[in-house]
C-alpha atoms as a PDB file:
ATOM      1  CA  MET A   1     114.536  80.435  85.268  1.00  0.00           C
ATOM      2  CA  LYS A   2     117.251  77.783  85.642  1.00  0.00           C
ATOM      3  CA  HIS A   3     117.207  76.970  89.380  1.00  0.00           C
ATOM      4  CA  LEU A   4     115.133  77.737  92.485  1.00  0.00           C
ATOM      5  CA  LEU A   5     117.514  77.894  95.431  1.00  0.00           C
ATOM      6  CA  SER A   6     116.393  80.695  97.738  1.00  0.00           C
ATOM      7  CA  THR A   7     113.549  83.161  98.144  1.00  0.00           C
ATOM      8  CA  GLN A   8     116.123  85.810  98.983  1.00  0.00           C
ATOM      9  CA  ASP A   9     117.141  85.664  95.310  1.00  0.00           C
ATOM     10  CA  LEU A  10     113.596  86.212  94.029  1.00  0.00           C
ATOM     11  CA  SER A  11     112.602  89.657  92.825  1.00  0.00           C
ATOM     12  CA  HIS A  12     109.056  90.938  93.248  1.00  0.00           C
ATOM     13  CA  ALA A  13     108.415  90.134  89.576  1.00  0.00           C
ATOM     14  CA  ASP A  14     109.886  86.618  89.917  1.00  0.00           C
ATOM     15  CA  ALA A  15     107.661  85.854  92.896  1.00  0.00           C
ATOM     16  CA  LEU A  16     104.498  87.109  91.193  1.00  0.00           C
ATOM     17  CA  ARG A  17     105.363  85.150  88.070  1.00  0.00           C
ATOM     18  CA  ILE A  18     105.526  81.910  90.051  1.00  0.00           C
ATOM     19  CA  LEU A  19     102.373  82.663  92.060  1.00  0.00           C
ATOM     20  CA  ASP A  20     100.378  83.658  88.978  1.00  0.00           C
ATOM     21  CA  THR A  21     101.476  80.489  87.166  1.00  0.00           C
ATOM     22  CA  ALA A  22     100.470  78.495  90.255  1.00  0.00           C
ATOM     23  CA  GLU A  23      96.969  79.981  89.990  1.00  0.00           C
ATOM     24  CA  GLU A  24      96.683  78.496  86.508  1.00  0.00           C
ATOM     25  CA  MET A  25      97.963  75.166  87.787  1.00  0.00           C
ATOM     26  CA  ALA A  26      95.380  75.253  90.576  1.00  0.00           C
ATOM     27  CA  ALA A  27      92.668  75.547  87.914  1.00  0.00           C
ATOM     28  CA  VAL A  28      94.057  72.387  86.305  1.00  0.00           C
ATOM     29  CA  SER A  29      94.049  70.621  89.677  1.00  0.00           C
ATOM     30  CA  GLY A  30      90.351  71.367  89.997  1.00  0.00           C
ATOM     31  CA  ARG A  31      89.467  69.412  86.870  1.00  0.00           C
ATOM     32  CA  GLU A  32      88.228  65.855  86.731  1.00  0.00           C
ATOM     33  CA  VAL A  33      91.387  64.919  84.800  1.00  0.00           C
ATOM     34  CA  LYS A  34      94.208  66.614  86.681  1.00  0.00           C
ATOM     35  CA  LYS A  35      96.982  66.179  84.123  1.00  0.00           C
ATOM     36  CA  LEU A  36      98.731  68.258  81.491  1.00  0.00           C
ATOM     37  CA  PRO A  37     101.233  67.023  78.885  1.00  0.00           C
ATOM     38  CA  ALA A  38     103.517  70.029  79.482  1.00  0.00           C
ATOM     39  CA  LEU A  39     106.528  68.031  80.733  1.00  0.00           C
ATOM     40  CA  ARG A  40     105.988  64.808  78.831  1.00  0.00           C
ATOM     41  CA  GLY A  41     109.371  63.245  78.149  1.00  0.00           C
ATOM     42  CA  ARG A  42     111.081  65.108  81.001  1.00  0.00           C
ATOM     43  CA  THR A  43     112.426  63.372  84.102  1.00  0.00           C
ATOM     44  CA  VAL A  44     112.286  64.811  87.617  1.00  0.00           C
ATOM     45  CA  VAL A  45     114.396  63.209  90.348  1.00  0.00           C
ATOM     46  CA  ASN A  46     113.394  63.711  93.973  1.00  0.00           C
ATOM     47  CA  LEU A  47     116.713  63.386  95.810  1.00  0.00           C
ATOM     48  CA  PHE A  48     115.774  63.411  99.486  1.00  0.00           C
ATOM     49  CA  LEU A  49     118.705  62.842 101.816  1.00  0.00           C
ATOM     50  CA  GLU A  50     116.615  63.932 104.812  1.00  0.00           C
ATOM     51  CA  ASP A  51     113.275  62.433 105.800  1.00  0.00           C
ATOM     52  CA  SER A  52     110.171  64.060 104.340  1.00  0.00           C
ATOM     53  CA  THR A  53     106.518  63.247 103.769  1.00  0.00           C
ATOM     54  CA  ARG A  54     104.679  66.353 102.568  1.00  0.00           C
ATOM     55  CA  THR A  55     107.361  67.910 100.405  1.00  0.00           C
ATOM     56  CA  ARG A  56     108.465  64.741  98.620  1.00  0.00           C
ATOM     57  CA  ILE A  57     104.923  63.543  97.911  1.00  0.00           C
ATOM     58  CA  SER A  58     103.901  67.041  96.813  1.00  0.00           C
ATOM     59  CA  PHE A  59     106.761  67.291  94.308  1.00  0.00           C
ATOM     60  CA  GLU A  60     105.968  63.794  93.042  1.00  0.00           C
ATOM     61  CA  ALA A  61     102.306  64.687  92.525  1.00  0.00           C
ATOM     62  CA  ALA A  62     103.251  67.977  90.845  1.00  0.00           C
ATOM     63  CA  ALA A  63     105.633  66.313  88.380  1.00  0.00           C
ATOM     64  CA  LYS A  64     103.172  63.550  87.535  1.00  0.00           C
ATOM     65  CA  ARG A  65     100.346  66.026  86.929  1.00  0.00           C
ATOM     66  CA  LEU A  66     102.612  67.652  84.357  1.00  0.00           C
ATOM     67  CA  SER A  67     103.213  64.206  82.794  1.00  0.00           C
ATOM     68  CA  ALA A  68     106.897  64.068  83.743  1.00  0.00           C
ATOM     69  CA  ASP A  69     108.602  60.811  84.661  1.00  0.00           C
ATOM     70  CA  VAL A  70     109.523  60.732  88.360  1.00  0.00           C
ATOM     71  CA  ILE A  71     112.365  58.970  90.150  1.00  0.00           C
ATOM     72  CA  ASN A  72     112.342  59.014  93.950  1.00  0.00           C
ATOM     73  CA  PHE A  73     115.752  58.622  95.564  1.00  0.00           C
ATOM     74  CA  SER A  74     116.697  58.582  99.250  1.00  0.00           C
ATOM     75  CA  GLY A  75     119.940  58.048 101.094  1.00  0.00           C
ATOM     76  CA  LYS A  76     118.762  54.920 102.872  1.00  0.00           C
ATOM     77  CA  GLY A  77     119.367  51.691 101.006  1.00  0.00           C
ATOM     78  CA  THR A  78     121.437  53.379  98.273  1.00  0.00           C
ATOM     79  CA  SER A  79     125.109  53.984  97.555  1.00  0.00           C
ATOM     80  CA  VAL A  80     124.907  57.205  99.572  1.00  0.00           C
ATOM     81  CA  SER A  81     124.737  55.046 102.696  1.00  0.00           C
ATOM     82  CA  LYS A  82     127.965  53.388 101.489  1.00  0.00           C
ATOM     83  CA  GLY A  83     129.770  56.717 101.348  1.00  0.00           C
ATOM     84  CA  GLU A  84     129.169  57.812  97.748  1.00  0.00           C
ATOM     85  CA  SER A  85     129.735  61.553  97.307  1.00  0.00           C
ATOM     86  CA  LEU A  86     127.019  64.004  96.300  1.00  0.00           C
ATOM     87  CA  LYS A  87     128.918  64.700  93.072  1.00  0.00           C
ATOM     88  CA  ASP A  88     128.979  61.047  92.025  1.00  0.00           C
ATOM     89  CA  THR A  89     125.347  60.572  93.055  1.00  0.00           C
ATOM     90  CA  VAL A  90     123.956  63.484  91.030  1.00  0.00           C
ATOM     91  CA  GLN A  91     126.113  62.719  88.007  1.00  0.00           C
ATOM     92  CA  THR A  92     124.747  59.173  88.074  1.00  0.00           C
ATOM     93  CA  LEU A  93     121.210  60.539  88.208  1.00  0.00           C
ATOM     94  CA  GLU A  94     121.834  62.885  85.296  1.00  0.00           C
ATOM     95  CA  ALA A  95     123.352  60.032  83.291  1.00  0.00           C
ATOM     96  CA  ILE A  96     120.062  58.187  83.817  1.00  0.00           C
ATOM     97  CA  GLY A  97     118.279  61.179  82.272  1.00  0.00           C
ATOM     98  CA  ALA A  98     117.379  63.678  85.019  1.00  0.00           C
ATOM     99  CA  ASP A  99     116.227  67.065  83.722  1.00  0.00           C
ATOM    100  CA  ALA A 100     115.577  68.472  87.197  1.00  0.00           C
ATOM    101  CA  ILE A 101     116.848  67.424  90.612  1.00  0.00           C
ATOM    102  CA  VAL A 102     114.671  68.335  93.572  1.00  0.00           C
ATOM    103  CA  MET A 103     117.005  68.011  96.525  1.00  0.00           C
ATOM    104  CA  ARG A 104     116.559  67.977 100.275  1.00  0.00           C
ATOM    105  CA  HIS A 105     119.868  67.871 102.127  1.00  0.00           C
ATOM    106  CA  TRP A 106     120.997  68.192 105.737  1.00  0.00           C
ATOM    107  CA  GLY A 107     123.718  70.695 104.833  1.00  0.00           C
ATOM    108  CA  SER A 108     122.952  74.409 104.594  1.00  0.00           C
ATOM    109  CA  GLY A 109     124.002  75.645 101.158  1.00  0.00           C
ATOM    110  CA  ALA A 110     124.004  72.179  99.565  1.00  0.00           C
ATOM    111  CA  ALA A 111     121.525  73.125  96.830  1.00  0.00           C
ATOM    112  CA  ALA A 112     123.511  76.211  95.833  1.00  0.00           C
ATOM    113  CA  GLN A 113     126.692  74.162  95.803  1.00  0.00           C
ATOM    114  CA  LEU A 114     125.073  71.659  93.458  1.00  0.00           C
ATOM    115  CA  ALA A 115     123.702  74.354  91.138  1.00  0.00           C
ATOM    116  CA  ASP A 116     127.008  76.245  90.981  1.00  0.00           C
ATOM    117  CA  SER A 117     129.366  73.276  90.868  1.00  0.00           C
ATOM    118  CA  GLY A 118     129.295  72.558  87.151  1.00  0.00           C
ATOM    119  CA  TRP A 119     128.808  68.864  87.960  1.00  0.00           C
ATOM    120  CA  ILE A 120     125.467  68.678  86.151  1.00  0.00           C
ATOM    121  CA  ARG A 121     123.369  70.538  83.579  1.00  0.00           C
ATOM    122  CA  SER A 122     120.037  69.723  85.247  1.00  0.00           C
ATOM    123  CA  SER A 123     117.881  72.324  86.961  1.00  0.00           C
ATOM    124  CA  VAL A 124     118.094  72.268  90.761  1.00  0.00           C
ATOM    125  CA  VAL A 125     115.208  72.925  93.143  1.00  0.00           C
ATOM    126  CA  ASN A 126     116.016  73.408  96.811  1.00  0.00           C
ATOM    127  CA  ALA A 127     113.523  71.325  98.799  1.00  0.00           C
ATOM    128  CA  GLY A 128     115.185  72.286 102.080  1.00  0.00           C
ATOM    129  CA  ASP A 129     118.877  72.600 102.931  1.00  0.00           C
ATOM    130  CA  GLY A 130     119.793  72.324 106.598  1.00  0.00           C
ATOM    131  CA  THR A 131     118.632  75.379 108.519  1.00  0.00           C
ATOM    132  CA  HIS A 132     119.060  77.647 105.481  1.00  0.00           C
ATOM    133  CA  GLU A 133     115.975  77.817 103.221  1.00  0.00           C
ATOM    134  CA  HIS A 134     112.902  76.004 101.912  1.00  0.00           C
ATOM    135  CA  PRO A 135     111.699  78.226  99.046  1.00  0.00           C
ATOM    136  CA  THR A 136     108.712  76.247  97.785  1.00  0.00           C
ATOM    137  CA  GLN A 137     107.258  76.114 101.309  1.00  0.00           C
ATOM    138  CA  ALA A 138     107.416  79.905 101.473  1.00  0.00           C
ATOM    139  CA  LEU A 139     105.870  80.172  98.006  1.00  0.00           C
ATOM    140  CA  LEU A 140     102.943  77.943  98.939  1.00  0.00           C
ATOM    141  CA  ASP A 141     102.465  79.922 102.154  1.00  0.00           C
ATOM    142  CA  ALA A 142     102.425  83.177 100.179  1.00  0.00           C
ATOM    143  CA  PHE A 143     100.032  81.606  97.668  1.00  0.00           C
ATOM    144  CA  THR A 144      97.692  80.667 100.524  1.00  0.00           C
ATOM    145  CA  LEU A 145      97.868  84.141 102.062  1.00  0.00           C
ATOM    146  CA  ARG A 146      97.339  85.865  98.709  1.00  0.00           C
ATOM    147  CA  ARG A 147      94.184  83.843  98.087  1.00  0.00           C
ATOM    148  CA  ARG A 148      92.891  84.752 101.545  1.00  0.00           C
ATOM    149  CA  LEU A 149      93.636  88.418 100.945  1.00  0.00           C
ATOM    150  CA  ALA A 150      91.875  88.337  97.570  1.00  0.00           C
ATOM    151  CA  LEU A 151      88.862  86.690  99.194  1.00  0.00           C
ATOM    152  CA  ARG A 152      88.766  89.441 101.810  1.00  0.00           C
ATOM    153  CA  HIS A 153      88.730  92.159  99.140  1.00  0.00           C
ATOM    154  CA  GLY A 154      86.593  90.275  96.626  1.00  0.00           C
ATOM    155  CA  THR A 155      89.280  90.495  93.952  1.00  0.00           C
ATOM    156  CA  ALA A 156      91.247  88.052  91.804  1.00  0.00           C
ATOM    157  CA  PRO A 157      94.666  87.108  93.194  1.00  0.00           C
ATOM    158  CA  HIS A 158      96.451  87.361  89.811  1.00  0.00           C
ATOM    159  CA  GLY A 159      99.086  90.066  89.702  1.00  0.00           C
ATOM    160  CA  THR A 160      98.663  91.139  93.339  1.00  0.00           C
ATOM    161  CA  ASP A 161     101.049  90.936  96.254  1.00  0.00           C
ATOM    162  CA  LEU A 162     100.688  90.903 100.049  1.00  0.00           C
ATOM    163  CA  ALA A 163     101.014  94.631 100.706  1.00  0.00           C
ATOM    164  CA  GLY A 164      99.433  95.549 104.037  1.00  0.00           C
ATOM    165  CA  MET A 165      99.324  92.038 105.515  1.00  0.00           C
ATOM    166  CA  LYS A 166     100.735  91.491 109.002  1.00  0.00           C
ATOM    167  CA  VAL A 167     102.277  88.061 109.591  1.00  0.00           C
ATOM    168  CA  VAL A 168     103.705  86.747 112.868  1.00  0.00           C
ATOM    169  CA  ILE A 169     106.143  83.813 112.686  1.00  0.00           C
ATOM    170  CA  VAL A 170     106.371  82.038 116.033  1.00  0.00           C
ATOM    171  CA  GLY A 171     108.751  79.626 117.720  1.00  0.00           C
ATOM    172  CA  ASP A 172     111.962  77.924 116.701  1.00  0.00           C
ATOM    173  CA  ILE A 173     113.314  80.599 114.351  1.00  0.00           C
ATOM    174  CA  LEU A 174     116.910  79.524 114.958  1.00  0.00           C
ATOM    175  CA  HIS A 175     116.585  76.103 113.306  1.00  0.00           C
ATOM    176  CA  SER A 176     113.828  76.936 110.814  1.00  0.00           C
ATOM    177  CA  ARG A 177     114.526  77.154 107.089  1.00  0.00           C
ATOM    178  CA  VAL A 178     110.792  77.794 106.667  1.00  0.00           C
ATOM    179  CA  ALA A 179     111.034  80.950 108.789  1.00  0.00           C
ATOM    180  CA  ARG A 180     113.966  82.290 106.774  1.00  0.00           C
ATOM    181  CA  SER A 181     112.387  81.632 103.380  1.00  0.00           C
ATOM    182  CA  ASN A 182     109.085  83.122 104.488  1.00  0.00           C
ATOM    183  CA  LEU A 183     110.739  86.223 105.914  1.00  0.00           C
ATOM    184  CA  TRP A 184     112.494  87.067 102.642  1.00  0.00           C
ATOM    185  CA  LEU A 185     109.536  86.253 100.399  1.00  0.00           C
ATOM    186  CA  LEU A 186     106.816  87.881 102.501  1.00  0.00           C
ATOM    187  CA  THR A 187     108.773  91.114 102.818  1.00  0.00           C
ATOM    188  CA  THR A 188     109.503  91.095  99.069  1.00  0.00           C
ATOM    189  CA  LEU A 189     105.750  90.827  98.505  1.00  0.00           C
ATOM    190  CA  GLY A 190     105.039  93.746 100.822  1.00  0.00           C
ATOM    191  CA  ALA A 191     103.938  92.021 104.022  1.00  0.00           C
ATOM    192  CA  GLU A 192     104.967  93.209 107.485  1.00  0.00           C
ATOM    193  CA  VAL A 193     106.691  90.365 109.362  1.00  0.00           C
ATOM    194  CA  THR A 194     107.155  89.943 113.111  1.00  0.00           C
ATOM    195  CA  LEU A 195     109.261  87.151 114.605  1.00  0.00           C
ATOM    196  CA  ALA A 196     108.142  86.003 118.040  1.00  0.00           C
ATOM    197  CA  ALA A 197     110.409  83.557 119.864  1.00  0.00           C
ATOM    198  CA  PRO A 198     112.358  82.875 123.045  1.00  0.00           C
ATOM    199  CA  PRO A 199     115.700  84.734 123.033  1.00  0.00           C
ATOM    200  CA  THR A 200     117.524  81.387 122.853  1.00  0.00           C
ATOM    201  CA  LEU A 201     115.768  80.513 119.581  1.00  0.00           C
ATOM    202  CA  VAL A 202     116.458  83.792 117.767  1.00  0.00           C
ATOM    203  CA  PRO A 203     119.447  83.712 115.375  1.00  0.00           C
ATOM    204  CA  VAL A 204     122.474  85.946 115.829  1.00  0.00           C
ATOM    205  CA  GLY A 205     122.275  88.899 113.442  1.00  0.00           C
ATOM    206  CA  VAL A 206     118.478  88.993 113.310  1.00  0.00           C
ATOM    207  CA  GLY A 207     118.665  92.724 113.920  1.00  0.00           C
ATOM    208  CA  ASP A 208     119.760  93.110 110.302  1.00  0.00           C
ATOM    209  CA  TRP A 209     116.729  91.237 108.961  1.00  0.00           C
ATOM    210  CA  PRO A 210     113.726  93.171 107.552  1.00  0.00           C
ATOM    211  CA  CYS A 211     111.370  92.359 110.420  1.00  0.00           C
ATOM    212  CA  THR A 212     110.327  93.206 113.959  1.00  0.00           C
ATOM    213  CA  VAL A 213     111.421  90.881 116.760  1.00  0.00           C
ATOM    214  CA  THR A 214     109.513  90.346 119.984  1.00  0.00           C
ATOM    215  CA  TYR A 215     110.082  87.979 122.880  1.00  0.00           C
ATOM    216  CA  SER A 216     106.394  88.000 123.839  1.00  0.00           C
ATOM    217  CA  LEU A 217     103.853  86.010 121.840  1.00  0.00           C
ATOM    218  CA  ASP A 218     101.017  87.758 123.637  1.00  0.00           C
ATOM    219  CA  GLU A 219     102.425  91.109 122.531  1.00  0.00           C
ATOM    220  CA  ALA A 220     102.615  89.870 118.939  1.00  0.00           C
ATOM    221  CA  LEU A 221      99.013  88.661 119.010  1.00  0.00           C
ATOM    222  CA  ALA A 222      97.862  91.967 120.482  1.00  0.00           C
ATOM    223  CA  GLY A 223      99.064  93.603 117.265  1.00  0.00           C
ATOM    224  CA  ALA A 224      96.108  92.046 115.394  1.00  0.00           C
ATOM    225  CA  PRO A 225      98.023  90.020 112.791  1.00  0.00           C
ATOM    226  CA  ASP A 226      96.369  88.672 109.646  1.00  0.00           C
ATOM    227  CA  ALA A 227      98.254  85.388 109.996  1.00  0.00           C
ATOM    228  CA  VAL A 228     100.102  83.526 112.743  1.00  0.00           C
ATOM    229  CA  MET A 229     102.599  81.008 111.427  1.00  0.00           C
ATOM    230  CA  MET A 230     103.494  78.427 114.071  1.00  0.00           C
ATOM    231  CA  LEU A 231     106.809  76.594 113.659  1.00  0.00           C
ATOM    232  CA  ARG A 232     107.611  73.077 114.767  1.00  0.00           C
ATOM    233  CA  VAL A 233     110.122  72.803 117.604  1.00  0.00           C
ATOM    234  CA  GLN A 234     112.960  70.992 115.825  1.00  0.00           C
ATOM    235  CA  SER A 235     114.267  68.930 118.716  1.00  0.00           C
ATOM    236  CA  GLU A 236     116.291  66.749 116.330  1.00  0.00           C
ATOM    237  CA  ARG A 237     118.515  69.766 115.579  1.00  0.00           C
ATOM    238  CA  MET A 238     118.885  70.813 119.216  1.00  0.00           C
ATOM    239  CA  HIS A 239     122.016  69.670 121.024  1.00  0.00           C
ATOM    240  CA  ASP A 240     121.564  72.013 123.988  1.00  0.00           C
ATOM    241  CA  ALA A 241     118.702  73.028 126.263  1.00  0.00           C
ATOM    242  CA  PHE A 242     117.033  75.997 124.562  1.00  0.00           C
ATOM    243  CA  PHE A 243     114.123  76.189 127.012  1.00  0.00           C
ATOM    244  CA  PRO A 244     113.494  74.705 130.493  1.00  0.00           C
ATOM    245  CA  SER A 245     110.815  72.172 129.542  1.00  0.00           C
ATOM    246  CA  ALA A 246     108.122  71.383 126.999  1.00  0.00           C
ATOM    247  CA  ALA A 247     105.479  72.604 129.443  1.00  0.00           C
ATOM    248  CA  GLU A 248     107.299  75.913 129.884  1.00  0.00           C
ATOM    249  CA  TYR A 249     107.596  76.344 126.108  1.00  0.00           C
ATOM    250  CA  THR A 250     103.874  75.735 125.660  1.00  0.00           C
ATOM    251  CA  ARG A 251     102.995  78.128 128.455  1.00  0.00           C
ATOM    252  CA  SER A 252     105.019  80.975 126.951  1.00  0.00           C
ATOM    253  CA  TRP A 253     105.132  80.233 123.229  1.00  0.00           C
ATOM    254  CA  GLY A 254     102.412  77.762 122.361  1.00  0.00           C
ATOM    255  CA  LEU A 255      99.220  78.706 120.545  1.00  0.00           C
ATOM    256  CA  THR A 256      97.052  77.587 123.442  1.00  0.00           C
ATOM    257  CA  ASP A 257      93.269  77.662 123.677  1.00  0.00           C
ATOM    258  CA  GLU A 258      93.537  80.996 125.499  1.00  0.00           C
ATOM    259  CA  ARG A 259      95.695  82.520 122.772  1.00  0.00           C
ATOM    260  CA  LEU A 260      93.338  81.151 120.135  1.00  0.00           C
ATOM    261  CA  GLY A 261      90.592  83.117 121.856  1.00  0.00           C
ATOM    262  CA  MET A 262      92.832  86.172 121.853  1.00  0.00           C
ATOM    263  CA  LEU A 263      93.370  85.800 118.104  1.00  0.00           C
ATOM    264  CA  GLU A 264      89.641  85.470 117.527  1.00  0.00           C
ATOM    265  CA  ALA A 265      88.936  88.586 119.598  1.00  0.00           C
ATOM    266  CA  ASN A 266      91.575  90.897 118.155  1.00  0.00           C
ATOM    267  CA  GLY A 267      89.399  92.416 115.426  1.00  0.00           C
ATOM    268  CA  VAL A 268      90.702  90.577 112.341  1.00  0.00           C
ATOM    269  CA  ASP A 269      87.772  88.302 111.567  1.00  0.00           C
ATOM    270  CA  ASP A 270      89.593  86.265 108.918  1.00  0.00           C
ATOM    271  CA  ALA A 271      92.966  85.953 110.703  1.00  0.00           C
ATOM    272  CA  VAL A 272      94.467  82.540 109.959  1.00  0.00           C
ATOM    273  CA  ILE A 273      96.746  80.047 111.660  1.00  0.00           C
ATOM    274  CA  MET A 274      99.458  78.497 109.505  1.00  0.00           C
ATOM    275  CA  HIS A 275     101.790  75.564 110.107  1.00  0.00           C
ATOM    276  CA  PRO A 276     104.287  73.902 107.733  1.00  0.00           C
ATOM    277  CA  GLY A 277     103.750  70.518 109.423  1.00  0.00           C
ATOM    278  CA  PRO A 278     104.133  68.173 111.019  1.00  0.00           C
ATOM    279  CA  MET A 279     102.314  69.697 113.998  1.00  0.00           C
ATOM    280  CA  ASN A 280     103.333  68.829 117.538  1.00  0.00           C
ATOM    281  CA  ARG A 281      99.904  69.026 119.149  1.00  0.00           C
ATOM    282  CA  GLY A 282     100.110  70.040 122.756  1.00  0.00           C
ATOM    283  CA  LEU A 283     103.551  71.623 122.335  1.00  0.00           C
ATOM    284  CA  GLU A 284     103.544  74.541 119.880  1.00  0.00           C
ATOM    285  CA  ILE A 285      99.821  74.311 119.097  1.00  0.00           C
ATOM    286  CA  SER A 286      96.791  73.115 121.018  1.00  0.00           C
ATOM    287  CA  ALA A 287      94.355  70.580 119.616  1.00  0.00           C
ATOM    288  CA  ALA A 288      91.649  73.249 119.450  1.00  0.00           C
ATOM    289  CA  ALA A 289      93.894  75.570 117.438  1.00  0.00           C
ATOM    290  CA  ALA A 290      95.059  72.724 115.188  1.00  0.00           C
ATOM    291  CA  ASP A 291      91.461  71.735 114.459  1.00  0.00           C
ATOM    292  CA  SER A 292      90.159  75.298 114.183  1.00  0.00           C
ATOM    293  CA  ALA A 293      88.568  76.484 110.949  1.00  0.00           C
ATOM    294  CA  ARG A 294      91.247  79.185 110.967  1.00  0.00           C
ATOM    295  CA  ASN A 295      94.008  76.614 110.515  1.00  0.00           C
ATOM    296  CA  THR A 296      95.134  76.483 106.880  1.00  0.00           C
ATOM    297  CA  ALA A 297      97.569  73.547 107.239  1.00  0.00           C
ATOM    298  CA  LEU A 298      95.691  71.253 104.833  1.00  0.00           C
ATOM    299  CA  GLU A 299      94.977  74.162 102.480  1.00  0.00           C
ATOM    300  CA  GLN A 300      98.722  74.805 102.427  1.00  0.00           C
ATOM    301  CA  VAL A 301      99.393  71.164 101.507  1.00  0.00           C
ATOM    302  CA  ALA A 302      96.910  71.316  98.616  1.00  0.00           C
ATOM    303  CA  ASN A 303      98.312  74.627  97.402  1.00  0.00           C
ATOM    304  CA  GLY A 304     101.807  73.171  97.548  1.00  0.00           C
ATOM    305  CA  VAL A 305     101.065  70.898  94.593  1.00  0.00           C
ATOM    306  CA  SER A 306      99.985  73.857  92.441  1.00  0.00           C
ATOM    307  CA  VAL A 307     103.022  75.922  93.437  1.00  0.00           C
ATOM    308  CA  ARG A 308     105.438  73.064  92.748  1.00  0.00           C
ATOM    309  CA  MET A 309     103.767  72.406  89.402  1.00  0.00           C
ATOM    310  CA  ALA A 310     104.417  76.060  88.563  1.00  0.00           C
ATOM    311  CA  VAL A 311     108.070  75.849  89.631  1.00  0.00           C
ATOM    312  CA  LEU A 312     108.756  72.679  87.645  1.00  0.00           C
ATOM    313  CA  TYR A 313     106.918  74.039  84.625  1.00  0.00           C
ATOM    314  CA  LEU A 314     108.837  77.328  84.635  1.00  0.00           C
ATOM    315  CA  LEU A 315     112.131  75.484  85.020  1.00  0.00           C
ATOM    316  CA  LEU A 316     111.579  72.830  82.375  1.00  0.00           C
ATOM    317  CA  SER A 317     108.994  73.925  79.836  1.00  0.00           C
ATOM    318  CA  ALA A 318     110.210  75.037  76.432  1.00  0.00           C
ATOM    319  CA  SER A 319     106.786  76.293  75.316  1.00  0.00           C
ATOM    320  CA  ASP A 320     105.558  79.863  75.625  1.00  0.00           C
ATOM    321  CA  SER A 321     102.269  79.918  73.790  1.00  0.00           C
ATOM    322  CA  PRO A 322      99.308  77.824  74.996  1.00  0.00           C
ATOM    323  CA  GLU A 323      97.307  78.774  78.061  1.00  0.00           C
ATOM    324  CA  PRO A 324      97.434  76.692  81.259  1.00  0.00           C
ATOM    325  CA  SER A 325      93.670  76.445  81.200  1.00  0.00           C
ATOM    326  CA  THR A 326      93.763  74.468  77.974  1.00  0.00           C
ATOM    327  CA  PRO A 327      94.144  70.662  78.023  1.00  0.00           C
ATOM    328  CA  THR A 328      97.385  70.863  76.032  1.00  0.00           C
ATOM    329  CA  ALA A 329     100.085  72.759  77.890  1.00  0.00           C
ATOM    330  CA  PRO A 330     100.255  75.765  80.211  1.00  0.00           C
ATOM    331  CA  SER A 331     101.661  79.076  79.122  1.00  0.00           C
ATOM    332  CA  ALA A 332     104.922  80.440  80.372  1.00  0.00           C
ATOM    333  CA  PRO A 333     105.286  84.170  80.874  1.00  0.00           C
ATOM    334  CA  SER A 334     107.125  85.777  77.976  1.00  0.00           C
ATOM    335  CA  ASP A 335     110.027  87.153  80.026  1.00  0.00           C
ATOM    336  CA  ARG A 336     112.401  84.210  80.017  1.00  0.00           C
ATOM    337  CA  LYS A 337     115.280  86.228  81.471  1.00  0.00           C
ATOM    338  CA  ALA A 338     114.015  86.369  85.044  1.00  0.00           C
ATOM    339  CA  THR A 339     116.029  84.184  87.354  1.00  0.00           C
ATOM    340  CA  ALA A 340     115.373  82.616  90.686  1.00  0.00           C
END
């Protein structure tokens, strides 16, 4: 695996390989000493040209737990703010010794452009590109759901997918890279996905996507989903009025206290609420729903470190033999030809 750019590019086997490796990394994260020497001597650069808290810190923690050196780079206060091109920036970073560049960029397709450009030899991880994709967020969401499904059935998550799960993704689909990445990955893993949103926040061409679309959140909840994934309203990307008011959005599309009760009464005892963060309490989700035991937001954050450890390990590790559960280095699956 050379790059991770999009979940749409991941096969079923690729996805399971990453999730199974993440399970081994989660076992490492549960130890008193949460470090492995697997990437000692490697350098990971977090190139974040858009603001981020959870994703950047999560990648930093993941790289450090694998003993990699980490360089954090943002556009503010650097030559990027003086007009330096992406090409010159990444070539400078590689000259410093970058083995992997984890990039968040405002432009859709920027990560693929970087990976395909021939400018650098480093591995590229897409940490969010415009409104296009955010693959590691989808992977950590799938990891969280798979663990919940295994708990329900009393089985180990290794080697299993999400066949039979019903997931509703709610809200600002139009501007959400998280929604797109989750749609492709969840359907690849066998889940049934429903998008619930106002007509103004549904992308053109959604009819060709492998999902059901509804314009009624109440209708979606009545279908007894296993998970409801609430999306943040991305007002910073909105240059027009997509709904009359915040109060109207909450009334029709927010996970209110009443809809929380509906979720709890629909017959799926372990149905969960998911959110990629940050949460806009009182807009897309009520305080009661945000603080509910069903909300997996913090679980998702914790799982994100394990998933990103797995991604960095699979991209950069040259070793195939030792087990991840040993204090030396984690194993990589033997099929090195799979690509992401």
